[in-house]
Amino acid sequence: MKLTGVLYKQHIGRQLKKLWYVKRERKVRDTKIEGKLSKLGIQVKDPLEVISPKREFSKLKLEFLKPRPIVFDETHPDWKAKVCLIFKDNNVLQEGFRQAQILTNTVCLPNSSSNYIQDLFPDLPEHVDSIVKRIIYTSNIFDAHQEKLPKRKDPERPAWVFPRDYGITNRRKMQNLSRKFLQLCESLSGPEIAQKRCIFYNGITKLNLDKESDLIQFTLSSDVTVMSANPLKPIENSNSNMEIDLPNMQPLHHTIGLDETNFYKTEDMYPVSPTIPWINVHTIFVHYDPVYVRNKTELPVTQSQIFSRTLIKTYTMAASCARQKFGSSVKKLPEPVTVQCIQSDGKNYHFFVFQLNSLDAKDVSVKNFWCSLPSLTLYEKAEYDNGRPVVEGYNPEVFRRILALYRNGS
């Protein structure tokens, strides 16, 4: 029962509190009970003598529960005498795509090699474009998730402090678009193709590479990865295109800009267990967020550096898949490993195909292949304009190419 004002008026607790308040000054009268008990032979003691005093225990020093500071010296369990060069998600190569080609022993094939994708722009019903536009609306405009956006800067007024904005971050927009596009691809392709695919998100891959007495470690995450039960067919024969040479970076070294560390682990990491049927990497989505990916200097990230990061991620996934299938010590692959890549910033989409022919970074006679398709822009504008949601410049070819890559190799 709820204690209301009317109920409290009748509550006996109020009367008891009032009684104690009135009689708080009352003196304790001598009832002479102590003398009567003494005549009966009953001993009377002070209550403090009967009640045991409070025991004080010594405080225990629980040093083992306190986190010990990690000392990064030669006593650290991960310390190695040999220096390791590392490349992570938020890094870019200083010399851009040329440096990535030398690190991965990769050459670029002409655009004619992209003809291996059958039905690059499939015919779809008219209502599919309406669904894709709805995906753009829900991903970029109608998403109710609000986060603190990066600070705005005015180059003409560098000291001016703008109020902080809240909205949908670039990373969340890209994740929404990629996931919903793949869901639509599964619906349009049917169970015959969808049952041969497996999709996972934010899988971490680690690859150790020995190149010219240098130990290089790539620790990267794939934003969206499509796995397949069947491997993709190669772009070209691994022994062809021998006349294409790697770019020259002289006098710079191919490891320029990579971070050095003595604290690392040498084991590889692959996000998929070898026991599942979908062990082949089919397509990866690489998201580029300018807030997260930056140069070591204050210079803006160039297009060549963005593509170099995409090539390193694709090479890492393909090489990890090859070691999972053919063994960790394999150099010359029994068969090439082909991976499709879609690189996007949420608005502009770039499509690539990578073919891994060898894991021997020291042997330049067998090169890996990289083929790029023409880039496309999904939309020109997707935002609120005078309080109204607006999507302008929609390009229907973007989703059709994503669907073609998803169906490829089925």
Protein backbone atom coordinates (compact mmCIF):
# COMPACT_ATOMS: atom_id res chain seq x y z
CA MET A 1 0.00 0.00 0.00
CA LYS A 2 1.32 3.40 -0.92
CA LEU A 3 2.15 5.64 2.04
CA THR A 4 -0.03 8.66 1.30
CA GLY A 5 -0.60 11.69 3.47
CA VAL A 6 -3.94 10.41 4.72
CA LEU A 7 -2.53 7.02 5.60
CA TYR A 8 0.43 8.59 7.39
CA LYS A 9 -1.92 10.47 9.69
CA GLN A 10 -3.26 7.16 11.00
CA HIS A 11 0.11 5.42 11.06
CA ILE A 12 1.28 4.29 14.46
CA GLY A 13 4.85 5.09 13.62
CA ARG A 14 4.08 8.78 13.81
CA GLN A 15 2.73 8.33 17.33
CA LEU A 16 5.81 6.41 18.44
CA LYS A 17 8.09 9.10 17.07
CA LYS A 18 6.06 11.71 18.88
CA LEU A 19 6.24 9.70 22.11
CA TRP A 20 10.00 9.42 21.93
CA TYR A 21 10.24 13.11 21.17
CA VAL A 22 8.15 14.08 24.22
CA LYS A 23 9.87 11.74 26.66
CA ARG A 24 13.43 12.25 25.49
CA GLU A 25 14.20 14.35 28.61
CA ARG A 26 12.75 11.77 31.02
CA LYS A 27 15.16 10.64 33.77
CA VAL A 28 15.69 7.00 34.60
CA ARG A 29 14.28 6.32 38.10
CA ASP A 30 15.98 4.03 40.57
CA THR A 31 13.78 0.94 40.98
CA LYS A 32 16.05 -0.52 43.74
CA ILE A 33 16.05 -3.80 41.85
CA GLU A 34 19.80 -4.20 42.39
CA GLY A 35 19.40 -4.45 46.18
CA LYS A 36 16.62 -6.98 45.93
CA LEU A 37 18.68 -9.18 43.59
CA SER A 38 21.65 -9.03 45.96
CA LYS A 39 19.49 -10.33 48.85
CA LEU A 40 18.53 -13.26 46.66
CA GLY A 41 22.19 -14.05 45.94
CA ILE A 42 22.10 -12.95 42.30
CA GLN A 43 25.21 -11.14 41.18
CA VAL A 44 24.70 -7.91 39.26
CA LYS A 45 27.32 -6.86 36.71
CA ASP A 46 27.86 -3.86 34.51
CA PRO A 47 26.63 -4.56 30.95
CA LEU A 48 29.95 -3.40 29.52
CA GLU A 49 31.68 -6.21 31.40
CA VAL A 50 29.43 -8.83 29.81
CA ILE A 51 29.49 -7.53 26.25
CA SER A 52 32.70 -8.55 24.55
CA PRO A 53 34.69 -5.60 23.25
CA LYS A 54 35.04 -5.04 19.52
CA ARG A 55 37.93 -6.95 18.08
CA GLU A 56 40.29 -5.13 15.79
CA PHE A 57 41.78 -7.13 12.97
CA SER A 58 44.96 -6.18 11.26
CA LYS A 59 44.54 -4.89 7.72
CA LEU A 60 45.68 -7.26 5.00
CA LYS A 61 47.78 -5.86 2.20
CA LEU A 62 46.17 -7.18 -0.98
CA GLU A 63 49.02 -6.33 -3.28
CA PHE A 64 48.21 -9.17 -5.65
CA LEU A 65 44.85 -7.59 -6.54
CA LYS A 66 46.38 -4.34 -7.73
CA PRO A 67 47.25 -4.19 -11.44
CA ARG A 68 50.97 -4.11 -11.89
CA PRO A 69 52.31 -1.54 -14.31
CA ILE A 70 53.54 -3.04 -17.56
CA VAL A 71 57.21 -2.39 -18.06
CA PHE A 72 58.20 -2.32 -21.71
CA ASP A 73 61.77 -3.53 -21.52
CA GLU A 74 63.65 -6.75 -22.14
CA THR A 75 61.71 -8.49 -19.35
CA HIS A 76 58.43 -8.15 -21.26
CA PRO A 77 57.19 -11.57 -22.51
CA ASP A 78 56.64 -10.23 -26.05
CA TRP A 79 60.03 -8.57 -26.36
CA LYS A 80 62.16 -9.68 -29.32
CA ALA A 81 65.67 -8.68 -30.23
CA LYS A 82 64.75 -8.28 -33.90
CA VAL A 83 62.84 -5.13 -34.82
CA CYS A 84 59.42 -5.64 -36.44
CA LEU A 85 57.87 -3.12 -38.86
CA ILE A 86 54.11 -2.87 -38.33
CA PHE A 87 51.23 -1.53 -40.41
CA LYS A 88 47.77 -1.08 -38.87
CA ASP A 89 44.30 0.11 -39.85
CA ASN A 90 44.83 3.81 -39.25
CA ASN A 91 48.18 3.91 -41.11
CA VAL A 92 48.93 4.87 -44.69
CA LEU A 93 52.10 4.36 -46.70
CA GLN A 94 54.13 7.49 -47.17
CA GLU A 95 54.93 6.86 -50.83
CA GLY A 96 51.45 5.61 -51.64
CA PHE A 97 50.57 2.92 -54.16
CA ARG A 98 54.13 2.45 -55.48
CA GLN A 99 55.34 1.47 -52.04
CA ALA A 100 52.45 -0.97 -51.60
CA GLN A 101 53.30 -2.60 -54.95
CA ILE A 102 56.90 -3.22 -53.87
CA LEU A 103 55.87 -4.53 -50.44
CA THR A 104 53.36 -6.98 -51.91
CA ASN A 105 55.26 -7.74 -55.16
CA THR A 106 52.23 -6.67 -57.22
CA VAL A 107 51.89 -5.27 -60.73
CA CYS A 108 48.85 -3.58 -62.27
CA LEU A 109 47.17 -5.28 -65.21
CA PRO A 110 45.48 -3.32 -68.03
CA ASN A 111 41.77 -2.66 -67.81
CA SER A 112 41.06 -5.31 -70.44
CA SER A 113 41.75 -7.98 -67.82
CA SER A 114 38.54 -7.03 -66.03
CA ASN A 115 36.44 -8.84 -68.65
CA TYR A 116 36.48 -12.00 -66.57
CA ILE A 117 33.48 -10.66 -64.58
CA GLN A 118 30.42 -11.87 -66.41
CA ASP A 119 27.39 -9.57 -66.68
CA LEU A 120 29.04 -6.53 -65.07
CA PHE A 121 25.77 -4.53 -65.11
CA PRO A 122 22.87 -7.02 -64.82
CA ASP A 123 19.33 -6.04 -65.75
CA LEU A 124 17.15 -5.59 -62.68
CA PRO A 125 13.51 -4.65 -62.11
CA GLU A 126 12.66 -0.98 -61.72
CA HIS A 127 11.66 -1.32 -58.08
CA VAL A 128 15.27 -2.25 -57.16
CA ASP A 129 16.39 1.36 -57.68
CA SER A 130 13.64 2.49 -55.31
CA ILE A 131 14.94 0.05 -52.70
CA VAL A 132 18.52 1.28 -53.13
CA LYS A 133 17.38 4.90 -52.76
CA ARG A 134 15.51 3.92 -49.60
CA ILE A 135 18.74 2.33 -48.30
CA ILE A 136 20.56 5.62 -48.92
CA TYR A 137 17.84 7.53 -47.08
CA THR A 138 17.82 5.20 -44.06
CA SER A 139 21.64 4.99 -43.87
CA ASN A 140 22.59 8.65 -44.32
CA ILE A 141 19.54 10.63 -43.18
CA PHE A 142 16.97 8.68 -41.16
CA ASP A 143 19.34 6.81 -38.85
CA ALA A 144 18.41 7.87 -35.29
CA HIS A 145 21.86 7.05 -33.90
CA GLN A 146 23.55 10.32 -32.89
CA GLU A 147 27.22 10.72 -31.97
CA LYS A 148 29.55 13.63 -31.47
CA LEU A 149 30.95 14.55 -34.87
CA PRO A 150 34.51 15.79 -35.47
CA LYS A 151 35.29 19.41 -34.80
CA ARG A 152 34.73 21.85 -37.61
CA LYS A 153 37.63 24.04 -38.66
CA ASP A 154 37.71 27.17 -40.79
CA PRO A 155 41.11 27.67 -42.49
CA GLU A 156 40.49 31.40 -42.73
CA ARG A 157 39.67 31.60 -38.99
CA PRO A 158 41.78 28.89 -37.28
CA ALA A 159 41.12 30.26 -33.79
CA TRP A 160 37.33 30.22 -34.16
CA VAL A 161 35.62 27.49 -32.11
CA PHE A 162 32.46 26.11 -33.68
CA PRO A 163 29.78 24.48 -31.52
CA ARG A 164 29.99 20.69 -31.47
CA ASP A 165 27.71 18.89 -33.91
CA TYR A 166 25.88 15.62 -33.33
CA GLY A 167 24.78 13.29 -36.09
CA ILE A 168 25.62 10.12 -38.03
CA THR A 169 29.34 9.43 -38.34
CA ASN A 170 30.96 8.50 -41.65
CA ARG A 171 31.88 5.06 -40.34
CA ARG A 172 28.28 4.26 -39.41
CA LYS A 173 27.01 5.47 -42.79
CA MET A 174 29.44 3.19 -44.60
CA GLN A 175 28.57 0.21 -42.40
CA ASN A 176 24.85 0.74 -42.96
CA LEU A 177 25.24 0.95 -46.73
CA SER A 178 27.48 -2.12 -47.02
CA ARG A 179 25.31 -4.33 -44.82
CA LYS A 180 22.05 -3.37 -46.51
CA PHE A 181 23.53 -3.69 -49.99
CA LEU A 182 24.69 -7.23 -49.21
CA GLN A 183 21.31 -8.08 -47.74
CA LEU A 184 19.68 -6.91 -50.96
CA CYS A 185 22.20 -8.93 -53.00
CA GLU A 186 21.26 -12.06 -51.07
CA SER A 187 17.55 -11.43 -51.71
CA LEU A 188 18.04 -10.90 -55.44
CA SER A 189 20.45 -13.81 -55.93
CA GLY A 190 18.30 -16.46 -54.29
CA PRO A 191 19.26 -19.41 -52.09
CA GLU A 192 21.35 -21.06 -54.85
CA ILE A 193 24.04 -18.38 -54.49
CA ALA A 194 23.37 -17.14 -50.95
CA GLN A 195 23.95 -20.57 -49.42
CA LYS A 196 27.46 -20.55 -50.90
CA ARG A 197 28.29 -17.24 -49.20
CA CYS A 198 29.09 -16.32 -45.61
CA ILE A 199 29.38 -12.74 -44.35
CA PHE A 200 31.14 -11.52 -41.22
CA TYR A 201 32.07 -8.07 -39.97
CA ASN A 202 35.17 -6.50 -38.40
CA GLY A 203 37.32 -9.62 -38.63
CA ILE A 204 40.96 -9.13 -37.59
CA THR A 205 43.74 -10.60 -39.75
CA LYS A 206 47.43 -10.68 -38.89
CA LEU A 207 50.14 -11.57 -41.41
CA ASN A 208 53.91 -11.78 -40.91
CA LEU A 209 56.06 -11.21 -43.95
CA ASP A 210 59.84 -11.55 -44.41
CA LYS A 211 61.21 -9.26 -47.10
CA GLU A 212 64.91 -8.55 -47.57
CA SER A 213 65.85 -9.45 -43.97
CA ASP A 214 63.04 -7.21 -42.64
CA LEU A 215 60.15 -8.60 -40.60
CA ILE A 216 56.92 -6.83 -41.58
CA GLN A 217 53.63 -7.42 -39.78
CA PHE A 218 50.22 -6.40 -41.10
CA THR A 219 47.48 -6.27 -38.42
CA LEU A 220 44.33 -5.19 -40.20
CA SER A 221 40.57 -5.54 -39.86
CA SER A 222 38.17 -6.20 -42.72
CA ASP A 223 35.08 -4.04 -42.35
CA VAL A 224 32.88 -6.49 -44.27
CA THR A 225 34.08 -9.83 -45.65
CA VAL A 226 32.17 -12.15 -47.96
CA MET A 227 33.41 -15.76 -47.76
CA SER A 228 32.61 -18.36 -50.40
CA ALA A 229 32.52 -22.13 -50.58
CA ASN A 230 34.12 -22.03 -54.06
CA PRO A 231 37.25 -20.03 -54.92
CA LEU A 232 37.17 -17.34 -57.58
CA LYS A 233 38.78 -18.09 -60.90
CA PRO A 234 42.12 -16.38 -61.67
CA ILE A 235 42.31 -13.20 -63.71
CA GLU A 236 45.30 -14.32 -65.77
CA ASN A 237 47.80 -17.12 -65.88
CA SER A 238 50.34 -16.67 -63.08
CA ASN A 239 53.24 -16.99 -65.57
CA SER A 240 51.92 -14.27 -67.89
CA ASN A 241 52.64 -10.53 -67.88
CA MET A 242 56.27 -11.11 -66.97
CA GLU A 243 57.29 -8.01 -68.90
CA ILE A 244 55.57 -5.69 -66.40
CA ASP A 245 58.11 -4.40 -63.89
CA LEU A 246 57.65 -3.16 -60.36
CA PRO A 247 57.90 0.61 -59.81
CA ASN A 248 61.18 2.14 -58.72
CA MET A 249 61.36 4.07 -55.43
CA GLN A 250 65.07 4.85 -55.42
CA PRO A 251 66.63 6.36 -53.37
CA LEU A 252 63.85 5.61 -50.86
CA HIS A 253 63.45 2.22 -49.21
CA HIS A 254 60.18 0.29 -49.43
CA THR A 255 59.82 0.27 -45.60
CA ILE A 256 59.85 4.05 -45.26
CA GLY A 257 57.21 5.34 -42.83
CA LEU A 258 56.49 1.99 -41.14
CA ASP A 259 56.52 1.95 -37.34
CA GLU A 260 59.18 -0.07 -35.52
CA THR A 261 58.65 -2.14 -32.38
CA ASN A 262 60.36 -4.88 -30.39
CA PHE A 263 57.16 -6.03 -28.68
CA TYR A 264 55.16 -8.35 -30.93
CA LYS A 265 53.97 -11.91 -31.50
CA THR A 266 54.94 -13.81 -34.62
CA GLU A 267 51.90 -16.06 -35.07
CA ASP A 268 49.45 -15.35 -37.89
CA MET A 269 45.75 -14.75 -37.33
CA TYR A 270 42.87 -15.63 -39.66
CA PRO A 271 39.27 -14.77 -38.72
CA VAL A 272 37.75 -18.01 -40.11
CA SER A 273 38.20 -21.53 -38.79
CA PRO A 274 39.55 -24.11 -41.30
CA THR A 275 36.70 -26.49 -40.47
CA ILE A 276 33.89 -24.39 -41.97
CA PRO A 277 32.97 -24.84 -45.65
CA TRP A 278 33.25 -21.11 -46.50
CA ILE A 279 37.02 -20.85 -46.28
CA ASN A 280 37.69 -18.87 -49.47
CA VAL A 281 37.76 -15.08 -49.36
CA HIS A 282 35.38 -13.80 -52.04
CA THR A 283 34.91 -10.03 -51.60
CA ILE A 284 36.02 -7.54 -48.96
CA PHE A 285 34.69 -4.04 -48.27
CA VAL A 286 37.33 -1.50 -47.25
CA HIS A 287 35.94 1.67 -45.67
CA TYR A 288 37.96 4.85 -45.72
CA ASP A 289 37.18 7.31 -42.93
CA PRO A 290 39.30 10.51 -43.13
CA VAL A 291 38.83 11.06 -39.41
CA TYR A 292 40.32 7.67 -38.52
CA VAL A 293 42.95 7.23 -41.26
CA ARG A 294 45.60 9.93 -41.21
CA ASN A 295 49.14 10.70 -42.18
CA LYS A 296 51.86 10.92 -39.53
CA THR A 297 52.29 14.51 -40.64
CA GLU A 298 49.51 17.07 -40.95
CA LEU A 299 49.37 16.63 -44.72
CA PRO A 300 46.08 15.34 -46.13
CA VAL A 301 45.83 11.74 -47.26
CA THR A 302 46.22 11.41 -51.03
CA GLN A 303 44.28 9.13 -53.36
CA SER A 304 47.41 7.06 -53.96
CA GLN A 305 47.79 6.46 -50.21
CA ILE A 306 44.14 5.40 -49.95
CA PHE A 307 44.62 2.85 -52.73
CA SER A 308 47.84 1.60 -51.12
CA ARG A 309 45.98 0.91 -47.88
CA THR A 310 43.35 -0.99 -49.87
CA LEU A 311 46.01 -3.07 -51.63
CA ILE A 312 47.69 -3.96 -48.33
CA LYS A 313 44.36 -5.05 -46.83
CA THR A 314 43.47 -7.16 -49.87
CA TYR A 315 46.93 -8.76 -49.94
CA THR A 316 46.70 -9.56 -46.23
CA MET A 317 43.35 -11.31 -46.63
CA ALA A 318 44.48 -13.25 -49.71
CA ALA A 319 47.79 -14.32 -48.14
CA SER A 320 46.11 -15.37 -44.88
CA CYS A 321 43.58 -17.41 -46.87
CA ALA A 322 46.40 -19.07 -48.83
CA ARG A 323 48.27 -20.02 -45.67
CA GLN A 324 45.07 -21.39 -44.18
CA LYS A 325 44.44 -23.56 -47.24
CA PHE A 326 47.96 -24.63 -48.27
CA GLY A 327 49.95 -24.37 -45.03
CA SER A 328 51.79 -21.67 -43.12
CA SER A 329 55.14 -22.36 -44.85
CA VAL A 330 53.88 -22.21 -48.44
CA LYS A 331 55.75 -19.92 -50.86
CA LYS A 332 54.79 -20.90 -54.41
CA LEU A 333 51.04 -21.44 -54.40
CA PRO A 334 49.57 -24.57 -56.02
CA GLU A 335 46.80 -22.37 -57.41
CA PRO A 336 46.24 -18.60 -57.35
CA VAL A 337 44.00 -16.97 -54.76
CA THR A 338 41.72 -14.27 -56.18
CA VAL A 339 39.95 -11.67 -54.02
CA GLN A 340 37.56 -8.92 -55.05
CA CYS A 341 37.68 -5.60 -53.21
CA ILE A 342 35.22 -2.71 -52.91
CA GLN A 343 36.72 0.45 -51.42
CA SER A 344 34.34 3.22 -50.41
CA ASP A 345 34.03 6.38 -48.36
CA GLY A 346 30.23 6.08 -48.35
CA LYS A 347 29.85 8.13 -51.53
CA ASN A 348 32.56 7.14 -54.02
CA TYR A 349 33.06 3.45 -54.84
CA HIS A 350 36.23 1.89 -56.28
CA PHE A 351 36.34 -1.73 -57.45
CA PHE A 352 39.46 -3.91 -57.61
CA VAL A 353 40.40 -7.52 -58.25
CA PHE A 354 43.58 -9.00 -56.74
CA GLN A 355 45.26 -12.28 -57.68
CA LEU A 356 47.85 -13.75 -55.31
CA ASN A 357 50.33 -15.98 -57.17
CA SER A 358 53.19 -16.29 -54.67
CA LEU A 359 53.96 -15.61 -51.02
CA ASP A 360 57.71 -15.44 -51.58
CA ALA A 361 58.36 -11.72 -51.16
CA LYS A 362 62.01 -12.17 -52.14
CA ASP A 363 61.25 -13.75 -55.54
CA VAL A 364 60.27 -11.02 -58.01
CA SER A 365 60.04 -13.42 -60.94
CA VAL A 366 56.49 -14.41 -59.94
CA LYS A 367 54.36 -11.33 -59.36
CA ASN A 368 50.86 -10.81 -58.01
CA PHE A 369 48.20 -9.12 -60.14
CA TRP A 370 46.05 -6.08 -59.42
CA CYS A 371 43.21 -5.01 -61.68
CA SER A 372 41.06 -1.93 -61.17
CA LEU A 373 37.63 -1.14 -62.57
CA PRO A 374 36.36 2.39 -63.26
CA SER A 375 35.25 4.19 -60.11
CA LEU A 376 31.64 5.24 -59.62
CA THR A 377 29.80 7.77 -57.43
CA LEU A 378 26.70 6.51 -55.64
CA TYR A 379 25.09 9.94 -55.15
CA GLU A 380 25.95 13.61 -55.26
CA LYS A 381 23.98 14.77 -52.22
CA ALA A 382 22.20 12.95 -49.39
CA GLU A 383 21.27 15.25 -46.51
CA TYR A 384 18.60 17.56 -45.12
CA ASP A 385 17.97 20.60 -47.28
CA ASN A 386 15.86 23.22 -45.49
CA GLY A 387 14.46 20.52 -43.23
CA ARG A 388 13.61 18.15 -46.09
CA PRO A 389 15.50 14.88 -46.79
CA VAL A 390 17.04 15.06 -50.25
CA VAL A 391 19.02 12.53 -52.33
CA GLU A 392 20.37 13.93 -55.59
CA GLY A 393 22.53 12.49 -58.35
CA TYR A 394 21.74 8.82 -57.69
CA ASN A 395 23.79 6.44 -59.86
CA PRO A 396 22.06 3.05 -60.38
CA GLU A 397 25.22 1.41 -61.79
CA VAL A 398 26.92 1.25 -58.37
CA PHE A 399 24.64 -1.38 -56.87
CA ARG A 400 24.53 -3.33 -60.14
CA ARG A 401 28.31 -3.65 -60.06
CA ILE A 402 28.24 -4.71 -56.40
CA LEU A 403 25.65 -7.35 -57.30
CA ALA A 404 27.79 -8.54 -60.20
CA LEU A 405 30.81 -8.97 -57.92
CA TYR A 406 28.64 -10.79 -55.37
CA ARG A 407 27.34 -13.22 -58.00
CA ASN A 408 30.74 -13.73 -59.61
CA GLY A 409 32.14 -17.22 -59.19
CA SER A 410 28.81 -18.79 -58.37
